[in-house]
Amino acid sequence: MQHRDELLFQTVHQSSELWLKLGCFEVETATQLLREHDVPAALRLLRRANDCLKIAMQLLDMLEHMSPWEYQTIRKILGHGSGFDSPGFRNIRRVSPSLGEAFNALRHEQDLSLVDLY
């Protein structure tokens, strides 16, 4: 380790990626359940996925314990990665459209508008 805050950054990053991976897995399963019309089971998994996202976002608060100068020091060690390179965030972008499609298909099948659902 070249800087003492490197471990803090790695811990936040790696644990966030695991929570995002779990969240995406739950969204994929929930999407399939919506396609099978099992709404209660899909909702349970979507609540779980939502909590996974909350936890991943809360972990970022830990990075506030580093000053911008400390972050810049370890940033050099990390290379050219960015949040856009995160597998977890890329997977969120990958699974979201399918969930929306399954939701809207089921909604149209039930002849429900968004206002009806609200």
PDB file of N, CA and C in Angstrom:
ATOM      1  N   MET A   1       0.850  -1.168   0.000  1.00  0.00           N
ATOM      2  CA  MET A   1       0.000   0.000   0.000  1.00  0.00           C
ATOM      3  C   MET A   1       0.903   1.240   0.000  1.00  0.00           C
ATOM      4  N   GLN A   2       0.616   2.162  -0.915  1.00  0.00           N
ATOM      5  CA  GLN A   2       1.460   3.340  -1.035  1.00  0.00           C
ATOM      6  C   GLN A   2       0.939   4.524  -0.225  1.00  0.00           C
ATOM      7  N   HIS A   3      -0.344   4.501   0.093  1.00  0.00           N
ATOM      8  CA  HIS A   3      -0.934   5.593   0.874  1.00  0.00           C
ATOM      9  C   HIS A   3      -1.931   4.971   1.841  1.00  0.00           C
ATOM     10  N   ARG A   4      -2.001   5.487   3.037  1.00  0.00           N
ATOM     11  CA  ARG A   4      -2.849   4.884   4.066  1.00  0.00           C
ATOM     12  C   ARG A   4      -4.323   4.865   3.684  1.00  0.00           C
ATOM     13  N   ASP A   5      -4.804   5.817   2.854  1.00  0.00           N
ATOM     14  CA  ASP A   5      -6.215   5.858   2.472  1.00  0.00           C
ATOM     15  C   ASP A   5      -6.550   4.946   1.299  1.00  0.00           C
ATOM     16  N   GLU A   6      -5.542   4.300   0.761  1.00  0.00           N
ATOM     17  CA  GLU A   6      -5.781   3.366  -0.333  1.00  0.00           C
ATOM     18  C   GLU A   6      -6.703   2.232   0.119  1.00  0.00           C
ATOM     19  N   LEU A   7      -6.513   1.737   1.336  1.00  0.00           N
ATOM     20  CA  LEU A   7      -7.356   0.662   1.858  1.00  0.00           C
ATOM     21  C   LEU A   7      -8.802   1.129   2.024  1.00  0.00           C
ATOM     22  N   LEU A   8      -8.998   2.348   2.484  1.00  0.00           N
ATOM     23  CA  LEU A   8     -10.349   2.899   2.601  1.00  0.00           C
ATOM     24  C   LEU A   8     -11.015   2.918   1.231  1.00  0.00           C
ATOM     25  N   PHE A   9     -10.317   3.427   0.236  1.00  0.00           N
ATOM     26  CA  PHE A   9     -10.880   3.506  -1.106  1.00  0.00           C
ATOM     27  C   PHE A   9     -11.197   2.111  -1.645  1.00  0.00           C
ATOM     28  N   GLN A  10     -10.275   1.179  -1.488  1.00  0.00           N
ATOM     29  CA  GLN A  10     -10.488  -0.180  -1.987  1.00  0.00           C
ATOM     30  C   GLN A  10     -11.682  -0.846  -1.306  1.00  0.00           C
ATOM     31  N   THR A  11     -11.804  -0.642  -0.007  1.00  0.00           N
ATOM     32  CA  THR A  11     -12.916  -1.242   0.731  1.00  0.00           C
ATOM     33  C   THR A  11     -14.248  -0.708   0.231  1.00  0.00           C
ATOM     34  N   VAL A  12     -14.336   0.599   0.080  1.00  0.00           N
ATOM     35  CA  VAL A  12     -15.577   1.208  -0.425  1.00  0.00           C
ATOM     36  C   VAL A  12     -15.868   0.713  -1.836  1.00  0.00           C
ATOM     37  N   HIS A  13     -14.862   0.756  -2.682  1.00  0.00           N
ATOM     38  CA  HIS A  13     -15.059   0.364  -4.079  1.00  0.00           C
ATOM     39  C   HIS A  13     -15.495  -1.095  -4.210  1.00  0.00           C
ATOM     40  N   GLN A  14     -14.758  -1.999  -3.580  1.00  0.00           N
ATOM     41  CA  GLN A  14     -15.048  -3.423  -3.750  1.00  0.00           C
ATOM     42  C   GLN A  14     -16.372  -3.826  -3.122  1.00  0.00           C
ATOM     43  N   SER A  15     -16.675  -3.277  -1.939  1.00  0.00           N
ATOM     44  CA  SER A  15     -17.954  -3.637  -1.316  1.00  0.00           C
ATOM     45  C   SER A  15     -19.114  -3.026  -2.105  1.00  0.00           C
ATOM     46  N   SER A  16     -18.940  -1.827  -2.637  1.00  0.00           N
ATOM     47  CA  SER A  16     -19.986  -1.232  -3.477  1.00  0.00           C
ATOM     48  C   SER A  16     -20.249  -2.096  -4.696  1.00  0.00           C
ATOM     49  N   GLU A  17     -19.194  -2.575  -5.326  1.00  0.00           N
ATOM     50  CA  GLU A  17     -19.366  -3.423  -6.514  1.00  0.00           C
ATOM     51  C   GLU A  17     -20.149  -4.690  -6.184  1.00  0.00           C
ATOM     52  N   LEU A  18     -19.889  -5.270  -5.015  1.00  0.00           N
ATOM     53  CA  LEU A  18     -20.636  -6.477  -4.622  1.00  0.00           C
ATOM     54  C   LEU A  18     -22.118  -6.168  -4.408  1.00  0.00           C
ATOM     55  N   TRP A  19     -22.425  -5.055  -3.750  1.00  0.00           N
ATOM     56  CA  TRP A  19     -23.829  -4.680  -3.542  1.00  0.00           C
ATOM     57  C   TRP A  19     -24.520  -4.387  -4.867  1.00  0.00           C
ATOM     58  N   LEU A  20     -23.814  -3.733  -5.788  1.00  0.00           N
ATOM     59  CA  LEU A  20     -24.395  -3.449  -7.097  1.00  0.00           C
ATOM     60  C   LEU A  20     -24.612  -4.739  -7.887  1.00  0.00           C
ATOM     61  N   LYS A  21     -23.697  -5.671  -7.764  1.00  0.00           N
ATOM     62  CA  LYS A  21     -23.843  -6.961  -8.440  1.00  0.00           C
ATOM     63  C   LYS A  21     -25.081  -7.695  -7.932  1.00  0.00           C
ATOM     64  N   LEU A  22     -25.262  -7.711  -6.614  1.00  0.00           N
ATOM     65  CA  LEU A  22     -26.447  -8.349  -6.040  1.00  0.00           C
ATOM     66  C   LEU A  22     -27.710  -7.637  -6.499  1.00  0.00           C
ATOM     67  N   GLY A  23     -27.693  -6.313  -6.474  1.00  0.00           N
ATOM     68  CA  GLY A  23     -28.865  -5.552  -6.908  1.00  0.00           C
ATOM     69  C   GLY A  23     -29.246  -5.869  -8.343  1.00  0.00           C
ATOM     70  N   CYS A  24     -28.274  -5.937  -9.228  1.00  0.00           N
ATOM     71  CA  CYS A  24     -28.545  -6.246 -10.631  1.00  0.00           C
ATOM     72  C   CYS A  24     -29.074  -7.665 -10.798  1.00  0.00           C
ATOM     73  N   PHE A  25     -28.519  -8.586 -10.048  1.00  0.00           N
ATOM     74  CA  PHE A  25     -29.013  -9.967 -10.079  1.00  0.00           C
ATOM     75  C   PHE A  25     -30.483 -10.021  -9.679  1.00  0.00           C
ATOM     76  N   GLU A  26     -30.840  -9.268  -8.634  1.00  0.00           N
ATOM     77  CA  GLU A  26     -32.230  -9.253  -8.180  1.00  0.00           C
ATOM     78  C   GLU A  26     -33.138  -8.595  -9.213  1.00  0.00           C
ATOM     79  N   VAL A  27     -32.663  -7.554  -9.878  1.00  0.00           N
ATOM     80  CA  VAL A  27     -33.466  -6.900 -10.916  1.00  0.00           C
ATOM     81  C   VAL A  27     -33.691  -7.850 -12.094  1.00  0.00           C
ATOM     82  N   GLU A  28     -32.661  -8.583 -12.483  1.00  0.00           N
ATOM     83  CA  GLU A  28     -32.823  -9.537 -13.581  1.00  0.00           C
ATOM     84  C   GLU A  28     -33.863 -10.605 -13.236  1.00  0.00           C
ATOM     85  N   THR A  29     -33.799 -11.110 -12.018  1.00  0.00           N
ATOM     86  CA  THR A  29     -34.768 -12.127 -11.594  1.00  0.00           C
ATOM     87  C   THR A  29     -36.165 -11.522 -11.499  1.00  0.00           C
ATOM     88  N   ALA A  30     -36.266 -10.316 -10.954  1.00  0.00           N
ATOM     89  CA  ALA A  30     -37.562  -9.640 -10.851  1.00  0.00           C
ATOM     90  C   ALA A  30     -38.162  -9.389 -12.235  1.00  0.00           C
ATOM     91  N   THR A  31     -37.328  -9.053 -13.192  1.00  0.00           N
ATOM     92  CA  THR A  31     -37.806  -8.831 -14.561  1.00  0.00           C
ATOM     93  C   THR A  31     -38.435 -10.108 -15.108  1.00  0.00           C
ATOM     94  N   GLN A  32     -37.763 -11.220 -14.895  1.00  0.00           N
ATOM     95  CA  GLN A  32     -38.312 -12.498 -15.347  1.00  0.00           C
ATOM     96  C   GLN A  32     -39.625 -12.812 -14.628  1.00  0.00           C
ATOM     97  N   LEU A  33     -39.680 -12.524 -13.337  1.00  0.00           N
ATOM     98  CA  LEU A  33     -40.916 -12.768 -12.581  1.00  0.00           C
ATOM     99  C   LEU A  33     -42.061 -11.894 -13.082  1.00  0.00           C
ATOM    100  N   LEU A  34     -41.778 -10.658 -13.467  1.00  0.00           N
ATOM    101  CA  LEU A  34     -42.821  -9.804 -14.046  1.00  0.00           C
ATOM    102  C   LEU A  34     -43.324 -10.394 -15.361  1.00  0.00           C
ATOM    103  N   ARG A  35     -42.409 -10.911 -16.160  1.00  0.00           N
ATOM    104  CA  ARG A  35     -42.809 -11.543 -17.428  1.00  0.00           C
ATOM    105  C   ARG A  35     -43.689 -12.768 -17.180  1.00  0.00           C
ATOM    106  N   GLU A  36     -43.500 -13.408 -16.027  1.00  0.00           N
ATOM    107  CA  GLU A  36     -44.300 -14.578 -15.649  1.00  0.00           C
ATOM    108  C   GLU A  36     -45.527 -14.182 -14.831  1.00  0.00           C
ATOM    109  N   HIS A  37     -45.758 -12.883 -14.671  1.00  0.00           N
ATOM    110  CA  HIS A  37     -46.902 -12.325 -13.946  1.00  0.00           C
ATOM    111  C   HIS A  37     -46.876 -12.603 -12.447  1.00  0.00           C
ATOM    112  N   ASP A  38     -45.720 -12.845 -11.891  1.00  0.00           N
ATOM    113  CA  ASP A  38     -45.585 -13.059 -10.451  1.00  0.00           C
ATOM    114  C   ASP A  38     -45.149 -11.733  -9.813  1.00  0.00           C
ATOM    115  N   VAL A  39     -46.103 -10.825  -9.711  1.00  0.00           N
ATOM    116  CA  VAL A  39     -45.814  -9.473  -9.238  1.00  0.00           C
ATOM    117  C   VAL A  39     -45.352  -9.447  -7.775  1.00  0.00           C
ATOM    118  N   PRO A  40     -45.998 -10.172  -6.850  1.00  0.00           N
ATOM    119  CA  PRO A  40     -45.526 -10.111  -5.455  1.00  0.00           C
ATOM    120  C   PRO A  40     -44.058 -10.535  -5.292  1.00  0.00           C
ATOM    121  N   ALA A  41     -43.649 -11.603  -5.966  1.00  0.00           N
ATOM    122  CA  ALA A  41     -42.257 -12.058  -5.862  1.00  0.00           C
ATOM    123  C   ALA A  41     -41.317 -11.031  -6.504  1.00  0.00           C
ATOM    124  N   ALA A  42     -41.732 -10.433  -7.619  1.00  0.00           N
ATOM    125  CA  ALA A  42     -40.908  -9.415  -8.279  1.00  0.00           C
ATOM    126  C   ALA A  42     -40.740  -8.197  -7.377  1.00  0.00           C
ATOM    127  N   LEU A  43     -41.814  -7.779  -6.740  1.00  0.00           N
ATOM    128  CA  LEU A  43     -41.733  -6.616  -5.851  1.00  0.00           C
ATOM    129  C   LEU A  43     -40.790  -6.864  -4.682  1.00  0.00           C
ATOM    130  N   ARG A  44     -40.818  -8.069  -4.140  1.00  0.00           N
ATOM    131  CA  ARG A  44     -39.915  -8.404  -3.033  1.00  0.00           C
ATOM    132  C   ARG A  44     -38.460  -8.248  -3.461  1.00  0.00           C
ATOM    133  N   LEU A  45     -38.147  -8.748  -4.658  1.00  0.00           N
ATOM    134  CA  LEU A  45     -36.768  -8.654  -5.143  1.00  0.00           C
ATOM    135  C   LEU A  45     -36.395  -7.225  -5.534  1.00  0.00           C
ATOM    136  N   LEU A  46     -37.359  -6.472  -6.040  1.00  0.00           N
ATOM    137  CA  LEU A  46     -37.068  -5.072  -6.382  1.00  0.00           C
ATOM    138  C   LEU A  46     -36.821  -4.236  -5.127  1.00  0.00           C
ATOM    139  N   ARG A  47     -37.535  -4.545  -4.050  1.00  0.00           N
ATOM    140  CA  ARG A  47     -37.244  -3.860  -2.771  1.00  0.00           C
ATOM    141  C   ARG A  47     -35.826  -4.186  -2.313  1.00  0.00           C
ATOM    142  N   ARG A  48     -35.451  -5.437  -2.456  1.00  0.00           N
ATOM    143  CA  ARG A  48     -34.102  -5.861  -2.074  1.00  0.00           C
ATOM    144  C   ARG A  48     -33.059  -5.143  -2.951  1.00  0.00           C
ATOM    145  N   ALA A  49     -33.319  -5.075  -4.254  1.00  0.00           N
ATOM    146  CA  ALA A  49     -32.395  -4.390  -5.168  1.00  0.00           C
ATOM    147  C   ALA A  49     -32.283  -2.916  -4.804  1.00  0.00           C
ATOM    148  N   ASN A  50     -33.398  -2.306  -4.455  1.00  0.00           N
ATOM    149  CA  ASN A  50     -33.387  -0.907  -4.045  1.00  0.00           C
ATOM    150  C   ASN A  50     -32.526  -0.712  -2.794  1.00  0.00           C
ATOM    151  N   ASP A  51     -32.647  -1.621  -1.848  1.00  0.00           N
ATOM    152  CA  ASP A  51     -31.823  -1.536  -0.639  1.00  0.00           C
ATOM    153  C   ASP A  51     -30.341  -1.728  -0.965  1.00  0.00           C
ATOM    154  N   CYS A  52     -30.050  -2.597  -1.935  1.00  0.00           N
ATOM    155  CA  CYS A  52     -28.653  -2.776  -2.363  1.00  0.00           C
ATOM    156  C   CYS A  52     -28.088  -1.456  -2.885  1.00  0.00           C
ATOM    157  N   LEU A  53     -28.879  -0.750  -3.673  1.00  0.00           N
ATOM    158  CA  LEU A  53     -28.433   0.544  -4.202  1.00  0.00           C
ATOM    159  C   LEU A  53     -28.246   1.559  -3.082  1.00  0.00           C
ATOM    160  N   LYS A  54     -29.153   1.549  -2.123  1.00  0.00           N
ATOM    161  CA  LYS A  54     -29.016   2.472  -0.985  1.00  0.00           C
ATOM    162  C   LYS A  54     -27.707   2.217  -0.236  1.00  0.00           C
ATOM    163  N   ILE A  55     -27.415   0.953   0.006  1.00  0.00           N
ATOM    164  CA  ILE A  55     -26.192   0.601   0.737  1.00  0.00           C
ATOM    165  C   ILE A  55     -24.964   1.040  -0.058  1.00  0.00           C
ATOM    166  N   ALA A  56     -24.963   0.759  -1.366  1.00  0.00           N
ATOM    167  CA  ALA A  56     -23.820   1.152  -2.199  1.00  0.00           C
ATOM    168  C   ALA A  56     -23.620   2.665  -2.171  1.00  0.00           C
ATOM    169  N   MET A  57     -24.695   3.415  -2.195  1.00  0.00           N
ATOM    170  CA  MET A  57     -24.584   4.876  -2.159  1.00  0.00           C
ATOM    171  C   MET A  57     -24.118   5.362  -0.780  1.00  0.00           C
ATOM    172  N   GLN A  58     -24.591   4.716   0.263  1.00  0.00           N
ATOM    173  CA  GLN A  58     -24.174   5.112   1.611  1.00  0.00           C
ATOM    174  C   GLN A  58     -22.681   4.844   1.824  1.00  0.00           C
ATOM    175  N   LEU A  59     -22.167   3.801   1.198  1.00  0.00           N
ATOM    176  CA  LEU A  59     -20.743   3.503   1.332  1.00  0.00           C
ATOM    177  C   LEU A  59     -19.884   4.653   0.809  1.00  0.00           C
ATOM    178  N   LEU A  60     -20.388   5.362  -0.175  1.00  0.00           N
ATOM    179  CA  LEU A  60     -19.628   6.486  -0.725  1.00  0.00           C
ATOM    180  C   LEU A  60     -19.392   7.576   0.315  1.00  0.00           C
ATOM    181  N   ASP A  61     -20.268   7.649   1.327  1.00  0.00           N
ATOM    182  CA  ASP A  61     -20.071   8.631   2.401  1.00  0.00           C
ATOM    183  C   ASP A  61     -18.731   8.435   3.094  1.00  0.00           C
ATOM    184  N   MET A  62     -18.236   7.202   3.116  1.00  0.00           N
ATOM    185  CA  MET A  62     -16.947   6.931   3.756  1.00  0.00           C
ATOM    186  C   MET A  62     -15.812   7.696   3.070  1.00  0.00           C
ATOM    187  N   LEU A  63     -15.973   7.947   1.784  1.00  0.00           N
ATOM    188  CA  LEU A  63     -14.917   8.649   1.052  1.00  0.00           C
ATOM    189  C   LEU A  63     -14.807  10.112   1.476  1.00  0.00           C
ATOM    190  N   GLU A  64     -15.825  10.617   2.157  1.00  0.00           N
ATOM    191  CA  GLU A  64     -15.757  11.992   2.656  1.00  0.00           C
ATOM    192  C   GLU A  64     -14.741  12.129   3.788  1.00  0.00           C
ATOM    193  N   HIS A  65     -14.253  11.008   4.290  1.00  0.00           N
ATOM    194  CA  HIS A  65     -13.220  11.033   5.324  1.00  0.00           C
ATOM    195  C   HIS A  65     -11.830  11.243   4.731  1.00  0.00           C
ATOM    196  N   MET A  66     -11.770  11.350   3.418  1.00  0.00           N
ATOM    197  CA  MET A  66     -10.518  11.660   2.738  1.00  0.00           C
ATOM    198  C   MET A  66     -10.607  13.082   2.214  1.00  0.00           C
ATOM    199  N   SER A  67      -9.527  13.798   2.329  1.00  0.00           N
ATOM    200  CA  SER A  67      -9.509  15.140   1.745  1.00  0.00           C
ATOM    201  C   SER A  67      -9.286  15.010   0.233  1.00  0.00           C
ATOM    202  N   PRO A  68      -9.640  16.036  -0.522  1.00  0.00           N
ATOM    203  CA  PRO A  68      -9.372  15.989  -1.967  1.00  0.00           C
ATOM    204  C   PRO A  68      -7.891  15.770  -2.267  1.00  0.00           C
ATOM    205  N   TRP A  69      -7.014  16.278  -1.438  1.00  0.00           N
ATOM    206  CA  TRP A  69      -5.579  16.113  -1.645  1.00  0.00           C
ATOM    207  C   TRP A  69      -5.173  14.654  -1.435  1.00  0.00           C
ATOM    208  N   GLU A  70      -5.755  14.032  -0.404  1.00  0.00           N
ATOM    209  CA  GLU A  70      -5.446  12.620  -0.163  1.00  0.00           C
ATOM    210  C   GLU A  70      -5.963  11.765  -1.320  1.00  0.00           C
ATOM    211  N   TYR A  71      -7.163  12.091  -1.792  1.00  0.00           N
ATOM    212  CA  TYR A  71      -7.718  11.336  -2.912  1.00  0.00           C
ATOM    213  C   TYR A  71      -6.834  11.479  -4.150  1.00  0.00           C
ATOM    214  N   GLN A  72      -6.369  12.682  -4.421  1.00  0.00           N
ATOM    215  CA  GLN A  72      -5.514  12.893  -5.595  1.00  0.00           C
ATOM    216  C   GLN A  72      -4.222  12.082  -5.495  1.00  0.00           C
ATOM    217  N   THR A  73      -3.736  11.898  -4.275  1.00  0.00           N
ATOM    218  CA  THR A  73      -2.526  11.099  -4.079  1.00  0.00           C
ATOM    219  C   THR A  73      -2.776   9.643  -4.455  1.00  0.00           C
ATOM    220  N   ILE A  74      -3.897   9.071  -3.984  1.00  0.00           N
ATOM    221  CA  ILE A  74      -4.152   7.665  -4.319  1.00  0.00           C
ATOM    222  C   ILE A  74      -4.718   7.521  -5.729  1.00  0.00           C
ATOM    223  N   ARG A  75      -5.301   8.567  -6.265  1.00  0.00           N
ATOM    224  CA  ARG A  75      -5.829   8.528  -7.633  1.00  0.00           C
ATOM    225  C   ARG A  75      -4.724   8.168  -8.626  1.00  0.00           C
ATOM    226  N   LYS A  76      -3.537   8.679  -8.372  1.00  0.00           N
ATOM    227  CA  LYS A  76      -2.398   8.383  -9.251  1.00  0.00           C
ATOM    228  C   LYS A  76      -2.070   6.895  -9.231  1.00  0.00           C
ATOM    229  N   ILE A  77      -2.271   6.274  -8.089  1.00  0.00           N
ATOM    230  CA  ILE A  77      -1.984   4.846  -7.930  1.00  0.00           C
ATOM    231  C   ILE A  77      -3.018   4.002  -8.676  1.00  0.00           C
ATOM    232  N   LEU A  78      -4.256   4.505  -8.744  1.00  0.00           N
ATOM    233  CA  LEU A  78      -5.363   3.731  -9.305  1.00  0.00           C
ATOM    234  C   LEU A  78      -5.352   3.647 -10.823  1.00  0.00           C
ATOM    235  N   GLY A  79      -4.668   4.527 -11.467  1.00  0.00           N
ATOM    236  CA  GLY A  79      -4.643   4.521 -12.927  1.00  0.00           C
ATOM    237  C   GLY A  79      -5.766   5.369 -13.504  1.00  0.00           C
ATOM    238  N   HIS A  80      -6.284   4.941 -14.641  1.00  0.00           N
ATOM    239  CA  HIS A  80      -7.231   5.771 -15.387  1.00  0.00           C
ATOM    240  C   HIS A  80      -8.684   5.358 -15.194  1.00  0.00           C
ATOM    241  N   GLY A  81      -8.990   4.540 -14.235  1.00  0.00           N
ATOM    242  CA  GLY A  81     -10.366   4.114 -14.018  1.00  0.00           C
ATOM    243  C   GLY A  81     -11.257   5.268 -13.592  1.00  0.00           C
ATOM    244  N   SER A  82     -12.548   5.117 -13.847  1.00  0.00           N
ATOM    245  CA  SER A  82     -13.522   6.122 -13.412  1.00  0.00           C
ATOM    246  C   SER A  82     -14.806   5.402 -13.050  1.00  0.00           C
ATOM    247  N   GLY A  83     -15.759   6.149 -12.541  1.00  0.00           N
ATOM    248  CA  GLY A  83     -17.053   5.561 -12.213  1.00  0.00           C
ATOM    249  C   GLY A  83     -17.717   4.926 -13.425  1.00  0.00           C
ATOM    250  N   PHE A  84     -17.448   5.464 -14.617  1.00  0.00           N
ATOM    251  CA  PHE A  84     -18.016   4.900 -15.840  1.00  0.00           C
ATOM    252  C   PHE A  84     -17.429   3.533 -16.159  1.00  0.00           C
ATOM    253  N   ASP A  85     -16.281   3.208 -15.540  1.00  0.00           N
ATOM    254  CA  ASP A  85     -15.659   1.908 -15.747  1.00  0.00           C
ATOM    255  C   ASP A  85     -16.166   0.860 -14.754  1.00  0.00           C
ATOM    256  N   SER A  86     -17.011   1.259 -13.836  1.00  0.00           N
ATOM    257  CA  SER A  86     -17.516   0.356 -12.809  1.00  0.00           C
ATOM    258  C   SER A  86     -18.409  -0.719 -13.421  1.00  0.00           C
ATOM    259  N   PRO A  87     -18.077  -1.997 -13.222  1.00  0.00           N
ATOM    260  CA  PRO A  87     -18.956  -3.057 -13.715  1.00  0.00           C
ATOM    261  C   PRO A  87     -20.360  -2.952 -13.114  1.00  0.00           C
ATOM    262  N   GLY A  88     -20.431  -2.584 -11.844  1.00  0.00           N
ATOM    263  CA  GLY A  88     -21.734  -2.468 -11.189  1.00  0.00           C
ATOM    264  C   GLY A  88     -22.617  -1.416 -11.823  1.00  0.00           C
ATOM    265  N   PHE A  89     -22.065  -0.232 -12.062  1.00  0.00           N
ATOM    266  CA  PHE A  89     -22.859   0.832 -12.669  1.00  0.00           C
ATOM    267  C   PHE A  89     -23.177   0.518 -14.128  1.00  0.00           C
ATOM    268  N   ARG A  90     -22.277  -0.141 -14.839  1.00  0.00           N
ATOM    269  CA  ARG A  90     -22.573  -0.547 -16.224  1.00  0.00           C
ATOM    270  C   ARG A  90     -23.709  -1.564 -16.246  1.00  0.00           C
ATOM    271  N   ASN A  91     -23.717  -2.474 -15.261  1.00  0.00           N
ATOM    272  CA  ASN A  91     -24.787  -3.473 -15.213  1.00  0.00           C
ATOM    273  C   ASN A  91     -26.138  -2.854 -14.883  1.00  0.00           C
ATOM    274  N   ILE A  92     -26.145  -1.825 -14.048  1.00  0.00           N
ATOM    275  CA  ILE A  92     -27.405  -1.126 -13.778  1.00  0.00           C
ATOM    276  C   ILE A  92     -27.977  -0.592 -15.086  1.00  0.00           C
ATOM    277  N   ARG A  93     -27.125   0.003 -15.901  1.00  0.00           N
ATOM    278  CA  ARG A  93     -27.577   0.526 -17.194  1.00  0.00           C
ATOM    279  C   ARG A  93     -28.029  -0.604 -18.117  1.00  0.00           C
ATOM    280  N   ARG A  94     -27.451  -1.774 -17.955  1.00  0.00           N
ATOM    281  CA  ARG A  94     -27.807  -2.911 -18.812  1.00  0.00           C
ATOM    282  C   ARG A  94     -29.161  -3.512 -18.429  1.00  0.00           C
ATOM    283  N   VAL A  95     -29.434  -3.659 -17.122  1.00  0.00           N
ATOM    284  CA  VAL A  95     -30.653  -4.353 -16.698  1.00  0.00           C
ATOM    285  C   VAL A  95     -31.878  -3.444 -16.627  1.00  0.00           C
ATOM    286  N   SER A  96     -31.680  -2.154 -16.519  1.00  0.00           N
ATOM    287  CA  SER A  96     -32.804  -1.233 -16.346  1.00  0.00           C
ATOM    288  C   SER A  96     -33.797  -1.237 -17.510  1.00  0.00           C
ATOM    289  N   PRO A  97     -33.343  -1.184 -18.766  1.00  0.00           N
ATOM    290  CA  PRO A  97     -34.327  -1.171 -19.859  1.00  0.00           C
ATOM    291  C   PRO A  97     -35.222  -2.407 -19.887  1.00  0.00           C
ATOM    292  N   SER A  98     -34.659  -3.578 -19.608  1.00  0.00           N
ATOM    293  CA  SER A  98     -35.465  -4.813 -19.606  1.00  0.00           C
ATOM    294  C   SER A  98     -36.533  -4.771 -18.527  1.00  0.00           C
ATOM    295  N   LEU A  99     -36.170  -4.240 -17.361  1.00  0.00           N
ATOM    296  CA  LEU A  99     -37.157  -4.108 -16.284  1.00  0.00           C
ATOM    297  C   LEU A  99     -38.278  -3.179 -16.717  1.00  0.00           C
ATOM    298  N   GLY A 100     -37.928  -2.053 -17.317  1.00  0.00           N
ATOM    299  CA  GLY A 100     -38.947  -1.112 -17.793  1.00  0.00           C
ATOM    300  C   GLY A 100     -39.859  -1.736 -18.836  1.00  0.00           C
ATOM    301  N   GLU A 101     -39.275  -2.503 -19.740  1.00  0.00           N
ATOM    302  CA  GLU A 101     -40.072  -3.167 -20.773  1.00  0.00           C
ATOM    303  C   GLU A 101     -41.039  -4.175 -20.169  1.00  0.00           C
ATOM    304  N   ALA A 102     -40.562  -4.973 -19.229  1.00  0.00           N
ATOM    305  CA  ALA A 102     -41.424  -5.976 -18.591  1.00  0.00           C
ATOM    306  C   ALA A 102     -42.538  -5.295 -17.801  1.00  0.00           C
ATOM    307  N   PHE A 103     -42.195  -4.223 -17.094  1.00  0.00           N
ATOM    308  CA  PHE A 103     -43.185  -3.471 -16.326  1.00  0.00           C
ATOM    309  C   PHE A 103     -44.259  -2.903 -17.250  1.00  0.00           C
ATOM    310  N   ASN A 104     -43.833  -2.237 -18.320  1.00  0.00           N
ATOM    311  CA  ASN A 104     -44.803  -1.610 -19.225  1.00  0.00           C
ATOM    312  C   ASN A 104     -45.636  -2.636 -19.973  1.00  0.00           C
ATOM    313  N   ALA A 105     -45.056  -3.770 -20.333  1.00  0.00           N
ATOM    314  CA  ALA A 105     -45.828  -4.825 -20.999  1.00  0.00           C
ATOM    315  C   ALA A 105     -46.929  -5.341 -20.082  1.00  0.00           C
ATOM    316  N   LEU A 106     -46.579  -5.583 -18.834  1.00  0.00           N
ATOM    317  CA  LEU A 106     -47.578  -6.069 -17.876  1.00  0.00           C
ATOM    318  C   LEU A 106     -48.646  -5.003 -17.613  1.00  0.00           C
ATOM    319  N   ARG A 107     -48.230  -3.768 -17.525  1.00  0.00           N
ATOM    320  CA  ARG A 107     -49.162  -2.663 -17.292  1.00  0.00           C
ATOM    321  C   ARG A 107     -50.137  -2.530 -18.459  1.00  0.00           C
ATOM    322  N   HIS A 108     -49.623  -2.591 -19.678  1.00  0.00           N
ATOM    323  CA  HIS A 108     -50.497  -2.498 -20.858  1.00  0.00           C
ATOM    324  C   HIS A 108     -51.439  -3.696 -20.943  1.00  0.00           C
ATOM    325  N   GLU A 109     -50.905  -4.855 -20.600  1.00  0.00           N
ATOM    326  CA  GLU A 109     -51.730  -6.076 -20.612  1.00  0.00           C
ATOM    327  C   GLU A 109     -52.899  -5.960 -19.635  1.00  0.00           C
ATOM    328  N   GLN A 110     -52.675  -5.303 -18.515  1.00  0.00           N
ATOM    329  CA  GLN A 110     -53.710  -5.112 -17.498  1.00  0.00           C
ATOM    330  C   GLN A 110     -54.553  -3.859 -17.783  1.00  0.00           C
ATOM    331  N   ASP A 111     -54.222  -3.154 -18.872  1.00  0.00           N
ATOM    332  CA  ASP A 111     -54.907  -1.921 -19.272  1.00  0.00           C
ATOM    333  C   ASP A 111     -54.868  -0.879 -18.163  1.00  0.00           C
ATOM    334  N   LEU A 112     -53.672  -0.684 -17.592  1.00  0.00           N
ATOM    335  CA  LEU A 112     -53.483   0.288 -16.524  1.00  0.00           C
ATOM    336  C   LEU A 112     -52.604   1.435 -17.020  1.00  0.00           C
ATOM    337  N   SER A 113     -53.036   2.634 -16.716  1.00  0.00           N
ATOM    338  CA  SER A 113     -52.191   3.790 -17.017  1.00  0.00           C
ATOM    339  C   SER A 113     -51.276   4.033 -15.829  1.00  0.00           C
ATOM    340  N   LEU A 114     -50.299   4.878 -16.022  1.00  0.00           N
ATOM    341  CA  LEU A 114     -49.420   5.243 -14.891  1.00  0.00           C
ATOM    342  C   LEU A 114     -50.224   5.970 -13.825  1.00  0.00           C
ATOM    343  N   VAL A 115     -51.211   6.738 -14.231  1.00  0.00           N
ATOM    344  CA  VAL A 115     -52.082   7.438 -13.262  1.00  0.00           C
ATOM    345  C   VAL A 115     -52.863   6.417 -12.448  1.00  0.00           C
ATOM    346  N   ASP A 116     -53.367   5.374 -13.088  1.00  0.00           N
ATOM    347  CA  ASP A 116     -54.090   4.309 -12.371  1.00  0.00           C
ATOM    348  C   ASP A 116     -53.191   3.687 -11.296  1.00  0.00           C
ATOM    349  N   LEU A 117     -51.947   3.417 -11.659  1.00  0.00           N
ATOM    350  CA  LEU A 117     -51.029   2.807 -10.710  1.00  0.00           C
ATOM    351  C   LEU A 117     -50.680   3.750  -9.575  1.00  0.00           C
ATOM    352  N   TYR A 118     -50.553   5.020  -9.896  1.00  0.00           N
ATOM    353  CA  TYR A 118     -50.201   5.991  -8.873  1.00  0.00           C
ATOM    354  C   TYR A 118     -51.331   6.119  -7.862  1.00  0.00           C
TER     355      TYR A 118
END
